[in-house]
C-alpha cells in the first residue's frame, strides 16, 4: 500500500486519493477546431515512461484538493508531491 503525502494534510493512506492522469496536459484552447484524430490524440495519448513520471492526484477523502506528484513507474515510490502550478521540490 502507498503512503501519499498531501501537500496540505500530510501523509495519508492511498485509499484516500484518486489518480487524475498525467500532469501538465493543457485543455485545447479551441476544441471545436480539432479534427477527430487530434481530439482522440488529446484524450487518449499519454506518455508511458519507465522511471519518473509527473501525475495529478486528488485527496478525495480529505481536503479534496488537486496536486501533482512525481512517481517512479518502476517502483511506484512517490518521490515528491507539490501544489499544481509549482515546481517539484529539489
Protein backbone atom coordinates (compact mmCIF):
# COMPACT_ATOMS: atom_id res chain seq x y z
CA UNK A 1 0.00 0.00 0.00
CA UNK A 2 1.23 3.50 -0.83
CA UNK A 3 1.61 6.33 1.65
CA UNK A 4 0.89 9.56 -0.22
CA UNK A 5 1.83 12.94 1.21
CA UNK A 6 -0.91 15.51 0.61
CA UNK A 7 0.76 18.96 0.43
CA UNK A 8 -1.92 20.30 2.81
CA UNK A 9 -2.89 17.35 5.06
CA UNK A 10 0.37 15.43 5.28
CA UNK A 11 0.94 11.68 4.80
CA UNK A 12 -2.21 9.61 4.27
CA UNK A 13 -3.09 6.10 3.07
CA UNK A 14 -3.56 5.73 -0.69
CA UNK A 15 -7.25 4.80 -0.30
CA UNK A 16 -7.98 8.48 0.44
CA UNK A 17 -6.75 9.55 -3.02
CA UNK A 18 -7.82 9.24 -6.66
CA UNK A 19 -5.50 9.25 -9.65
CA UNK A 20 -6.05 12.08 -12.14
CA UNK A 21 -3.74 11.19 -15.02
CA UNK A 22 -0.62 12.75 -16.43
CA UNK A 23 0.24 16.20 -15.08
CA UNK A 24 0.80 19.16 -17.36
CA UNK A 25 -1.75 18.31 -20.08
CA UNK A 26 -3.47 21.54 -21.13
CA UNK A 27 -7.05 21.60 -22.41
CA UNK A 28 -7.17 22.68 -26.07
CA UNK A 29 -7.82 26.41 -26.45
CA UNK A 30 -10.34 25.77 -29.26
CA UNK A 31 -11.61 22.20 -29.02
CA UNK A 32 -14.21 22.75 -31.76
CA UNK A 33 -11.39 23.38 -34.24
CA UNK A 34 -9.78 19.98 -33.61
CA UNK A 35 -10.18 17.13 -36.04
CA UNK A 36 -11.40 13.78 -34.71
CA UNK A 37 -7.83 12.49 -34.84
CA UNK A 38 -6.48 15.50 -32.90
CA UNK A 39 -9.27 15.20 -30.30
CA UNK A 40 -8.59 11.46 -29.86
CA UNK A 41 -4.87 12.22 -29.50
CA UNK A 42 -5.63 14.77 -26.75
CA UNK A 43 -7.98 12.40 -24.91
CA UNK A 44 -6.10 9.12 -25.10
CA UNK A 45 -2.42 9.53 -25.91
CA UNK A 46 -0.23 9.92 -22.84
CA UNK A 47 3.40 9.36 -22.04
CA UNK A 48 4.33 5.97 -20.59
CA UNK A 49 7.92 6.29 -19.39
CA UNK A 50 9.96 3.83 -17.41
CA UNK A 51 11.10 5.91 -14.45
CA UNK A 52 9.93 9.23 -13.02
CA UNK A 53 6.51 10.45 -14.15
CA UNK A 54 4.51 13.54 -13.15
CA UNK A 55 0.91 12.79 -12.22
CA UNK A 56 -2.16 14.56 -10.88
CA UNK A 57 -3.89 13.27 -7.74
CA UNK A 58 -6.86 14.47 -5.70
CA UNK A 59 -7.28 13.98 -1.95
CA UNK A 60 -10.85 12.74 -2.42
CA UNK A 61 -11.46 11.70 1.20
CA UNK A 62 -9.64 14.61 2.77
CA UNK A 63 -9.21 18.22 1.74
CA UNK A 64 -10.46 17.48 -1.84
CA UNK A 65 -7.59 19.46 -3.35
CA UNK A 66 -5.70 18.52 -6.50
CA UNK A 67 -1.91 18.31 -6.52
CA UNK A 68 0.95 16.95 -8.61
CA UNK A 69 3.19 14.04 -7.73
CA UNK A 70 6.42 12.64 -9.10
CA UNK A 71 6.19 8.83 -9.03
CA UNK A 72 8.53 6.11 -10.21
CA UNK A 73 6.69 3.83 -12.63
CA UNK A 74 9.22 1.10 -11.81
CA UNK A 75 8.99 1.03 -8.00
CA UNK A 76 5.72 3.02 -7.53
CA UNK A 77 7.56 5.16 -4.97
CA UNK A 78 6.14 8.68 -4.78
CA UNK A 79 9.22 10.86 -4.66
CA UNK A 80 7.55 14.27 -4.29
CA UNK A 81 4.15 15.93 -4.02
CA UNK A 82 3.50 19.62 -4.65
CA UNK A 83 0.67 22.05 -5.46
CA UNK A 84 -0.36 22.43 -9.11
CA UNK A 85 1.44 25.36 -10.68
CA UNK A 86 4.58 24.91 -8.61
CA UNK A 87 7.77 23.04 -9.44
CA UNK A 88 8.63 19.84 -7.57
CA UNK A 89 10.88 20.25 -4.54
CA UNK A 90 14.58 19.58 -5.13
